[in-house]
Amino acid sequence: MADTDDPPRKHYQLKPREFERMNAAPVAADASGPAAASPPGQPDSGPIDVRDLARLAATGQPLLSPRREPTAGRTDVHGVLRENLARANAAGLNDVVLPPPPSSRRKRDYWFLLCAGNGSLAGLVFLLGLNPMTVIFGLAGLVVFTVGLTWIMWFVMDHY
């Protein structure tokens, strides 16, 4: 049986470097070497070189254009917002009337449960007879019920 030949070896390499030139304008060179460019910010200045910026900084010329005053009119955001606020105030949109807070049923429910629970415990004590054991256990039941109901209604439960 004949051995099959391996396919020819593939050689991989990086593709050749291609750079896109952003400053394609021709550079005029003077006798000193680096390109003589006008100060940055002017429309016909050409490409900017670091040496030009250093030369301008050494002479004390401003590198950026002077600051312009903000334009008034439609682009004044604060003015537009003031006009919108005045218009909304005139239409009464910012007049807010808060409703009264809703009455809580918690106090009513607390007093109802307190009277019903303590009344039922006191009635049970009188039904069983008035002897020292039933009175002491009845009073302890009243205290435990009152403290437990108060704790649950005012500290554990949320507003309802």
N, C-alpha and C. Protein backbone atom coordinates (compact mmCIF):
# COMPACT_ATOMS: atom_id res chain seq x y z
N MET A 1 0.81 -1.17 0.00
CA MET A 1 0.00 0.00 0.00
C MET A 1 0.87 1.24 0.00
N ALA A 2 0.54 2.16 -0.87
CA ALA A 2 1.35 3.36 -1.01
C ALA A 2 0.90 4.42 -0.02
N ASP A 3 1.90 5.09 0.58
CA ASP A 3 1.57 6.20 1.49
C ASP A 3 1.13 7.41 0.68
N THR A 4 0.09 8.09 1.23
CA THR A 4 -0.36 9.31 0.55
C THR A 4 0.54 10.46 0.97
N ASP A 5 0.84 11.29 0.03
CA ASP A 5 1.69 12.45 0.32
C ASP A 5 0.89 13.51 1.08
N ASP A 6 1.57 14.15 2.03
CA ASP A 6 0.93 15.24 2.76
C ASP A 6 0.76 16.43 1.83
N PRO A 7 -0.28 17.23 2.06
CA PRO A 7 -0.44 18.43 1.22
C PRO A 7 0.70 19.40 1.49
N PRO A 8 0.98 20.28 0.57
CA PRO A 8 2.08 21.23 0.77
C PRO A 8 1.81 22.11 1.99
N ARG A 9 2.89 22.46 2.65
CA ARG A 9 2.78 23.24 3.87
C ARG A 9 2.36 24.68 3.55
N LYS A 10 1.40 25.21 4.42
CA LYS A 10 0.94 26.58 4.22
C LYS A 10 1.81 27.51 5.06
N HIS A 11 2.18 28.62 4.49
CA HIS A 11 2.98 29.63 5.19
C HIS A 11 2.06 30.81 5.51
N TYR A 12 1.93 31.10 6.79
CA TYR A 12 1.10 32.21 7.23
C TYR A 12 2.00 33.38 7.59
N GLN A 13 1.53 34.59 7.26
CA GLN A 13 2.26 35.80 7.62
C GLN A 13 1.26 36.94 7.76
N LEU A 14 1.71 37.98 8.41
CA LEU A 14 0.86 39.14 8.58
C LEU A 14 0.73 39.89 7.27
N LYS A 15 -0.41 40.54 7.10
CA LYS A 15 -0.57 41.29 5.86
C LYS A 15 0.28 42.54 5.92
N PRO A 16 0.67 43.07 4.79
CA PRO A 16 1.55 44.25 4.80
C PRO A 16 0.86 45.44 5.47
N ARG A 17 1.68 46.26 6.09
CA ARG A 17 1.15 47.40 6.81
C ARG A 17 0.61 48.43 5.83
N GLU A 18 -0.60 48.90 6.17
CA GLU A 18 -1.20 49.97 5.38
C GLU A 18 -1.73 50.99 6.36
N PHE A 19 -1.28 52.21 6.22
CA PHE A 19 -1.73 53.27 7.10
C PHE A 19 -2.53 54.26 6.29
N GLU A 20 -3.64 54.68 6.87
CA GLU A 20 -4.43 55.71 6.20
C GLU A 20 -3.90 57.05 6.66
N ARG A 21 -3.50 57.85 5.74
CA ARG A 21 -2.93 59.15 6.09
C ARG A 21 -4.06 60.15 6.27
N MET A 22 -4.16 60.67 7.47
CA MET A 22 -5.24 61.60 7.79
C MET A 22 -4.90 63.01 7.34
N ASN A 23 -3.65 63.44 7.52
CA ASN A 23 -3.22 64.78 7.11
C ASN A 23 -2.55 64.67 5.74
N ALA A 24 -3.35 64.56 4.74
CA ALA A 24 -2.79 64.35 3.41
C ALA A 24 -2.36 65.64 2.74
N ALA A 25 -2.51 66.78 3.39
CA ALA A 25 -2.12 68.06 2.79
C ALA A 25 -0.60 68.11 2.68
N PRO A 26 -0.09 68.66 1.62
CA PRO A 26 1.37 68.74 1.48
C PRO A 26 1.97 69.69 2.52
N VAL A 27 3.13 69.33 2.99
CA VAL A 27 3.81 70.09 4.02
C VAL A 27 4.91 70.91 3.35
N ALA A 28 4.86 72.23 3.58
CA ALA A 28 5.89 73.10 3.00
C ALA A 28 7.02 73.24 4.02
N ALA A 29 8.22 72.92 3.60
CA ALA A 29 9.37 72.97 4.50
C ALA A 29 10.15 74.25 4.24
N ASP A 30 10.60 74.87 5.31
CA ASP A 30 11.46 76.05 5.14
C ASP A 30 12.91 75.64 5.39
N ALA A 31 13.77 76.60 5.48
CA ALA A 31 15.19 76.30 5.60
C ALA A 31 15.55 75.69 6.97
N SER A 32 14.75 75.95 8.01
CA SER A 32 15.10 75.45 9.33
C SER A 32 14.78 73.97 9.49
N GLY A 33 13.99 73.40 8.64
CA GLY A 33 13.71 71.96 8.73
C GLY A 33 12.25 71.67 8.96
N PRO A 34 11.71 71.95 10.15
CA PRO A 34 10.32 71.59 10.38
C PRO A 34 9.38 72.47 9.58
N ALA A 35 8.20 71.97 9.37
CA ALA A 35 7.22 72.68 8.55
C ALA A 35 6.78 73.96 9.24
N ALA A 36 6.66 75.01 8.46
CA ALA A 36 6.19 76.28 9.01
C ALA A 36 4.68 76.32 8.84
N ALA A 37 3.99 76.26 9.95
CA ALA A 37 2.53 76.26 9.89
C ALA A 37 2.01 77.49 10.59
N SER A 38 0.86 77.93 10.16
CA SER A 38 0.23 79.07 10.81
C SER A 38 -0.33 78.61 12.15
N PRO A 39 -0.66 79.53 13.03
CA PRO A 39 -1.15 79.13 14.35
C PRO A 39 -2.38 78.23 14.24
N PRO A 40 -2.51 77.28 15.16
CA PRO A 40 -3.65 76.38 15.09
C PRO A 40 -4.95 77.13 15.31
N GLY A 41 -6.01 76.59 14.77
CA GLY A 41 -7.30 77.22 14.90
C GLY A 41 -7.68 77.99 13.65
N GLN A 42 -6.72 78.27 12.77
CA GLN A 42 -7.05 78.94 11.52
C GLN A 42 -7.40 77.89 10.48
N PRO A 43 -8.33 78.18 9.58
CA PRO A 43 -8.80 77.17 8.66
C PRO A 43 -7.74 76.64 7.70
N ASP A 44 -6.76 77.45 7.29
CA ASP A 44 -5.77 77.00 6.31
C ASP A 44 -4.44 76.67 6.98
N SER A 45 -4.48 76.17 8.19
CA SER A 45 -3.24 75.96 8.93
C SER A 45 -2.47 74.73 8.48
N GLY A 46 -3.12 73.72 7.91
CA GLY A 46 -2.42 72.51 7.51
C GLY A 46 -2.20 71.61 8.71
N PRO A 47 -1.32 70.61 8.56
CA PRO A 47 -1.10 69.70 9.68
C PRO A 47 -0.37 70.40 10.83
N ILE A 48 -0.69 69.99 12.03
CA ILE A 48 -0.09 70.58 13.23
C ILE A 48 1.04 69.69 13.69
N ASP A 49 2.17 70.29 13.97
CA ASP A 49 3.34 69.57 14.43
C ASP A 49 3.60 69.96 15.88
N VAL A 50 4.16 69.06 16.65
CA VAL A 50 4.46 69.33 18.05
C VAL A 50 5.48 70.45 18.17
N ARG A 51 6.40 70.51 17.26
CA ARG A 51 7.42 71.56 17.31
C ARG A 51 6.79 72.93 17.08
N ASP A 52 5.75 73.00 16.23
CA ASP A 52 5.05 74.28 16.03
C ASP A 52 4.35 74.72 17.31
N LEU A 53 3.73 73.77 17.99
CA LEU A 53 3.07 74.10 19.26
C LEU A 53 4.08 74.56 20.29
N ALA A 54 5.24 73.91 20.34
CA ALA A 54 6.26 74.33 21.30
C ALA A 54 6.77 75.72 20.96
N ARG A 55 6.93 76.00 19.68
CA ARG A 55 7.41 77.32 19.27
C ARG A 55 6.37 78.38 19.63
N LEU A 56 5.07 78.10 19.42
CA LEU A 56 4.03 79.06 19.76
C LEU A 56 3.95 79.27 21.28
N ALA A 57 4.15 78.19 22.05
CA ALA A 57 4.11 78.32 23.50
C ALA A 57 5.28 79.15 24.00
N ALA A 58 6.43 79.04 23.34
CA ALA A 58 7.60 79.82 23.77
C ALA A 58 7.41 81.30 23.47
N THR A 59 6.68 81.64 22.42
CA THR A 59 6.48 83.05 22.08
C THR A 59 5.38 83.68 22.91
N GLY A 60 4.56 82.87 23.58
CA GLY A 60 3.50 83.42 24.42
C GLY A 60 2.20 83.63 23.69
N GLN A 61 2.10 83.20 22.46
CA GLN A 61 0.84 83.33 21.72
C GLN A 61 -0.16 82.31 22.24
N PRO A 62 -1.45 82.66 22.26
CA PRO A 62 -2.44 81.68 22.72
C PRO A 62 -2.55 80.52 21.73
N LEU A 63 -2.59 79.32 22.26
CA LEU A 63 -2.67 78.15 21.40
C LEU A 63 -4.10 77.90 20.91
N LEU A 64 -5.06 78.30 21.69
CA LEU A 64 -6.45 78.10 21.31
C LEU A 64 -7.09 79.44 21.03
N SER A 65 -8.18 79.40 20.32
CA SER A 65 -8.88 80.65 20.02
C SER A 65 -9.47 81.21 21.31
N PRO A 66 -9.62 82.53 21.40
CA PRO A 66 -10.17 83.12 22.63
C PRO A 66 -11.60 82.65 22.86
N ARG A 67 -11.99 82.64 24.12
CA ARG A 67 -13.32 82.15 24.50
C ARG A 67 -14.39 83.11 24.02
N ARG A 68 -15.44 82.54 23.43
CA ARG A 68 -16.54 83.36 22.95
C ARG A 68 -17.60 83.46 24.03
N GLU A 69 -18.37 84.52 24.00
CA GLU A 69 -19.48 84.69 24.93
C GLU A 69 -20.62 83.78 24.49
N PRO A 70 -21.36 83.22 25.46
CA PRO A 70 -22.49 82.37 25.06
C PRO A 70 -23.55 83.17 24.34
N THR A 71 -24.13 82.54 23.37
CA THR A 71 -25.15 83.23 22.58
C THR A 71 -26.47 83.18 23.32
N ALA A 72 -27.18 84.29 23.30
CA ALA A 72 -28.49 84.34 23.95
C ALA A 72 -29.55 83.94 22.93
N GLY A 73 -30.67 83.55 23.41
CA GLY A 73 -31.75 83.16 22.51
C GLY A 73 -32.18 81.74 22.75
N ARG A 74 -32.36 80.99 21.67
CA ARG A 74 -32.91 79.64 21.81
C ARG A 74 -31.93 78.68 22.46
N THR A 75 -30.64 78.97 22.44
CA THR A 75 -29.69 78.03 23.01
C THR A 75 -29.48 78.26 24.50
N ASP A 76 -30.09 79.29 25.09
CA ASP A 76 -29.95 79.54 26.51
C ASP A 76 -30.89 78.61 27.27
N VAL A 77 -30.34 77.52 27.80
CA VAL A 77 -31.15 76.49 28.44
C VAL A 77 -31.82 77.02 29.69
N HIS A 78 -31.09 77.78 30.49
CA HIS A 78 -31.68 78.29 31.72
C HIS A 78 -32.83 79.25 31.43
N GLY A 79 -32.70 80.04 30.38
CA GLY A 79 -33.79 80.94 30.00
C GLY A 79 -35.03 80.17 29.57
N VAL A 80 -34.82 79.11 28.80
CA VAL A 80 -35.95 78.29 28.36
C VAL A 80 -36.62 77.63 29.57
N LEU A 81 -35.81 77.13 30.51
CA LEU A 81 -36.39 76.51 31.70
C LEU A 81 -37.15 77.53 32.55
N ARG A 82 -36.63 78.76 32.66
CA ARG A 82 -37.35 79.79 33.40
C ARG A 82 -38.69 80.11 32.74
N GLU A 83 -38.70 80.18 31.41
CA GLU A 83 -39.96 80.44 30.70
C GLU A 83 -40.95 79.29 30.91
N ASN A 84 -40.47 78.06 30.85
CA ASN A 84 -41.35 76.91 31.08
C ASN A 84 -41.92 76.93 32.49
N LEU A 85 -41.10 77.28 33.48
CA LEU A 85 -41.58 77.34 34.86
C LEU A 85 -42.61 78.44 35.03
N ALA A 86 -42.37 79.60 34.44
CA ALA A 86 -43.34 80.70 34.54
C ALA A 86 -44.66 80.31 33.88
N ARG A 87 -44.60 79.64 32.73
CA ARG A 87 -45.81 79.20 32.03
C ARG A 87 -46.56 78.16 32.86
N ALA A 88 -45.84 77.23 33.49
CA ALA A 88 -46.49 76.21 34.31
C ALA A 88 -47.09 76.83 35.57
N ASN A 89 -46.41 77.81 36.17
CA ASN A 89 -46.96 78.48 37.34
C ASN A 89 -48.22 79.26 36.99
N ALA A 90 -48.21 79.91 35.82
CA ALA A 90 -49.39 80.66 35.39
C ALA A 90 -50.57 79.73 35.12
N ALA A 91 -50.31 78.53 34.62
CA ALA A 91 -51.39 77.58 34.35
C ALA A 91 -51.83 76.85 35.61
N GLY A 92 -51.10 77.00 36.71
CA GLY A 92 -51.47 76.35 37.97
C GLY A 92 -51.03 74.91 38.07
N LEU A 93 -50.08 74.50 37.25
CA LEU A 93 -49.63 73.11 37.27
C LEU A 93 -48.78 72.80 38.50
N ASN A 94 -48.16 73.81 39.09
CA ASN A 94 -47.29 73.57 40.24
C ASN A 94 -48.01 73.78 41.56
N ASP A 95 -49.31 74.08 41.54
CA ASP A 95 -50.08 74.24 42.77
C ASP A 95 -50.53 72.85 43.22
N VAL A 96 -49.87 72.35 44.25
CA VAL A 96 -50.16 71.01 44.73
C VAL A 96 -50.89 71.11 46.06
N VAL A 97 -52.04 70.45 46.13
CA VAL A 97 -52.81 70.40 47.36
C VAL A 97 -52.72 68.98 47.89
N LEU A 98 -52.13 68.85 49.06
CA LEU A 98 -51.97 67.53 49.65
C LEU A 98 -53.26 67.11 50.34
N PRO A 99 -53.69 65.90 50.11
CA PRO A 99 -54.91 65.44 50.79
C PRO A 99 -54.61 65.20 52.27
N PRO A 100 -55.62 65.25 53.12
CA PRO A 100 -55.37 64.99 54.54
C PRO A 100 -54.95 63.54 54.72
N PRO A 101 -54.11 63.29 55.71
CA PRO A 101 -53.66 61.91 55.91
C PRO A 101 -54.86 61.03 56.29
N PRO A 102 -54.87 59.81 55.80
CA PRO A 102 -56.01 58.93 56.12
C PRO A 102 -56.02 58.58 57.61
N SER A 103 -57.22 58.48 58.14
CA SER A 103 -57.32 58.14 59.56
C SER A 103 -56.94 56.68 59.75
N SER A 104 -56.22 56.43 60.82
CA SER A 104 -55.74 55.09 61.08
C SER A 104 -56.80 54.31 61.86
N ARG A 105 -57.02 53.07 61.47
CA ARG A 105 -57.96 52.21 62.19
C ARG A 105 -57.26 51.50 63.33
N ARG A 106 -55.99 51.69 63.48
CA ARG A 106 -55.22 50.96 64.48
C ARG A 106 -55.70 51.29 65.90
N LYS A 107 -55.91 52.58 66.19
CA LYS A 107 -56.33 52.96 67.54
C LYS A 107 -57.70 52.37 67.86
N ARG A 108 -58.61 52.46 66.91
CA ARG A 108 -59.94 51.90 67.13
C ARG A 108 -59.87 50.40 67.35
N ASP A 109 -59.11 49.68 66.52
CA ASP A 109 -58.98 48.23 66.65
C ASP A 109 -58.30 47.86 67.96
N TYR A 110 -57.31 48.65 68.39
CA TYR A 110 -56.60 48.37 69.64
C TYR A 110 -57.56 48.44 70.82
N TRP A 111 -58.33 49.53 70.90
CA TRP A 111 -59.23 49.67 72.03
C TRP A 111 -60.33 48.62 71.99
N PHE A 112 -60.81 48.27 70.81
CA PHE A 112 -61.83 47.22 70.71
C PHE A 112 -61.28 45.88 71.20
N LEU A 113 -60.09 45.49 70.71
CA LEU A 113 -59.51 44.21 71.12
C LEU A 113 -59.14 44.21 72.60
N LEU A 114 -58.66 45.36 73.12
CA LEU A 114 -58.30 45.44 74.53
C LEU A 114 -59.52 45.25 75.42
N CYS A 115 -60.61 45.94 75.08
CA CYS A 115 -61.83 45.81 75.89
C CYS A 115 -62.43 44.41 75.76
N ALA A 116 -62.47 43.87 74.53
CA ALA A 116 -63.06 42.54 74.32
C ALA A 116 -62.22 41.46 75.00
N GLY A 117 -60.91 41.50 74.85
CA GLY A 117 -60.04 40.48 75.45
C GLY A 117 -60.04 40.54 76.97
N ASN A 118 -59.87 41.76 77.51
CA ASN A 118 -59.84 41.88 78.97
C ASN A 118 -61.22 41.59 79.56
N GLY A 119 -62.26 42.00 78.86
CA GLY A 119 -63.62 41.69 79.34
C GLY A 119 -63.89 40.20 79.36
N SER A 120 -63.44 39.49 78.31
CA SER A 120 -63.66 38.04 78.29
C SER A 120 -62.86 37.34 79.39
N LEU A 121 -61.63 37.79 79.65
CA LEU A 121 -60.84 37.19 80.73
C LEU A 121 -61.48 37.48 82.10
N ALA A 122 -61.95 38.70 82.30
CA ALA A 122 -62.60 39.04 83.57
C ALA A 122 -63.91 38.25 83.72
N GLY A 123 -64.67 38.09 82.65
CA GLY A 123 -65.89 37.29 82.70
C GLY A 123 -65.60 35.84 83.02
N LEU A 124 -64.53 35.30 82.48
CA LEU A 124 -64.14 33.92 82.77
C LEU A 124 -63.78 33.74 84.25
N VAL A 125 -63.09 34.74 84.82
CA VAL A 125 -62.73 34.69 86.23
C VAL A 125 -64.00 34.68 87.09
N PHE A 126 -64.99 35.53 86.75
CA PHE A 126 -66.22 35.56 87.54
C PHE A 126 -67.04 34.30 87.35
N LEU A 127 -66.99 33.67 86.15
CA LEU A 127 -67.72 32.44 85.92
C LEU A 127 -67.13 31.27 86.73
N LEU A 128 -65.81 31.26 86.85
CA LEU A 128 -65.17 30.16 87.57
C LEU A 128 -65.26 30.34 89.09
N GLY A 129 -65.59 31.49 89.52
CA GLY A 129 -65.71 31.74 90.96
C GLY A 129 -64.57 32.61 91.44
N LEU A 130 -64.87 33.38 92.48
CA LEU A 130 -63.87 34.32 93.00
C LEU A 130 -63.10 33.67 94.13
N ASN A 131 -62.10 32.93 93.83
CA ASN A 131 -61.18 32.44 94.85
C ASN A 131 -59.79 32.98 94.51
N PRO A 132 -58.85 32.94 95.42
CA PRO A 132 -57.54 33.57 95.18
C PRO A 132 -56.82 33.05 93.94
N MET A 133 -56.93 31.76 93.65
CA MET A 133 -56.23 31.22 92.47
C MET A 133 -56.78 31.80 91.17
N THR A 134 -58.09 31.82 91.00
CA THR A 134 -58.66 32.32 89.75
C THR A 134 -58.44 33.82 89.61
N VAL A 135 -58.46 34.56 90.69
CA VAL A 135 -58.23 36.01 90.62
C VAL A 135 -56.78 36.29 90.24
N ILE A 136 -55.83 35.58 90.85
CA ILE A 136 -54.41 35.81 90.53
C ILE A 136 -54.11 35.41 89.09
N PHE A 137 -54.62 34.23 88.68
CA PHE A 137 -54.40 33.82 87.29
C PHE A 137 -55.14 34.74 86.32
N GLY A 138 -56.30 35.22 86.69
CA GLY A 138 -57.04 36.17 85.85
C GLY A 138 -56.30 37.48 85.68
N LEU A 139 -55.76 38.01 86.80
CA LEU A 139 -54.98 39.26 86.71
C LEU A 139 -53.71 39.07 85.87
N ALA A 140 -53.05 37.90 86.04
CA ALA A 140 -51.85 37.64 85.23
C ALA A 140 -52.22 37.54 83.75
N GLY A 141 -53.36 36.91 83.48
CA GLY A 141 -53.82 36.84 82.08
C GLY A 141 -54.13 38.21 81.52
N LEU A 142 -54.75 39.08 82.35
CA LEU A 142 -55.03 40.44 81.89
C LEU A 142 -53.74 41.19 81.57
N VAL A 143 -52.73 41.06 82.41
CA VAL A 143 -51.45 41.76 82.19
C VAL A 143 -50.76 41.23 80.94
N VAL A 144 -50.70 39.91 80.81
CA VAL A 144 -50.02 39.32 79.64
C VAL A 144 -50.76 39.70 78.36
N PHE A 145 -52.10 39.64 78.38
CA PHE A 145 -52.87 39.99 77.18
C PHE A 145 -52.68 41.45 76.82
N THR A 146 -52.73 42.35 77.82
CA THR A 146 -52.60 43.79 77.55
C THR A 146 -51.20 44.12 77.01
N VAL A 147 -50.17 43.58 77.65
CA VAL A 147 -48.80 43.85 77.19
C VAL A 147 -48.57 43.26 75.80
N GLY A 148 -49.04 42.04 75.58
CA GLY A 148 -48.86 41.41 74.27
C GLY A 148 -49.60 42.14 73.16
N LEU A 149 -50.85 42.53 73.43
CA LEU A 149 -51.63 43.27 72.42
C LEU A 149 -50.99 44.62 72.12
N THR A 150 -50.54 45.32 73.18
CA THR A 150 -49.88 46.62 72.97
C THR A 150 -48.61 46.45 72.15
N TRP A 151 -47.81 45.45 72.47
CA TRP A 151 -46.57 45.21 71.73
C TRP A 151 -46.87 44.90 70.27
N ILE A 152 -47.82 44.05 70.00
CA ILE A 152 -48.12 43.65 68.62
C ILE A 152 -48.71 44.82 67.84
N MET A 153 -49.67 45.52 68.43
CA MET A 153 -50.38 46.58 67.68
C MET A 153 -49.50 47.81 67.43
N TRP A 154 -48.65 48.19 68.37
CA TRP A 154 -47.94 49.45 68.22
C TRP A 154 -46.46 49.30 67.86
N PHE A 155 -45.88 48.12 68.02
CA PHE A 155 -44.45 47.98 67.73
C PHE A 155 -44.16 46.99 66.63
N VAL A 156 -44.99 45.95 66.49
CA VAL A 156 -44.72 44.92 65.49
C VAL A 156 -45.43 45.25 64.18
N MET A 157 -46.71 45.59 64.26
CA MET A 157 -47.49 45.83 63.05
C MET A 157 -47.11 47.16 62.40
N ASP A 158 -47.25 47.19 61.10
CA ASP A 158 -47.00 48.40 60.34
C ASP A 158 -48.29 49.22 60.33
N HIS A 159 -48.21 50.44 59.83
CA HIS A 159 -49.40 51.29 59.74
C HIS A 159 -50.39 50.66 58.76
N TYR A 160 -51.64 50.70 59.12
CA TYR A 160 -52.68 50.21 58.20
C TYR A 160 -53.89 51.08 58.29
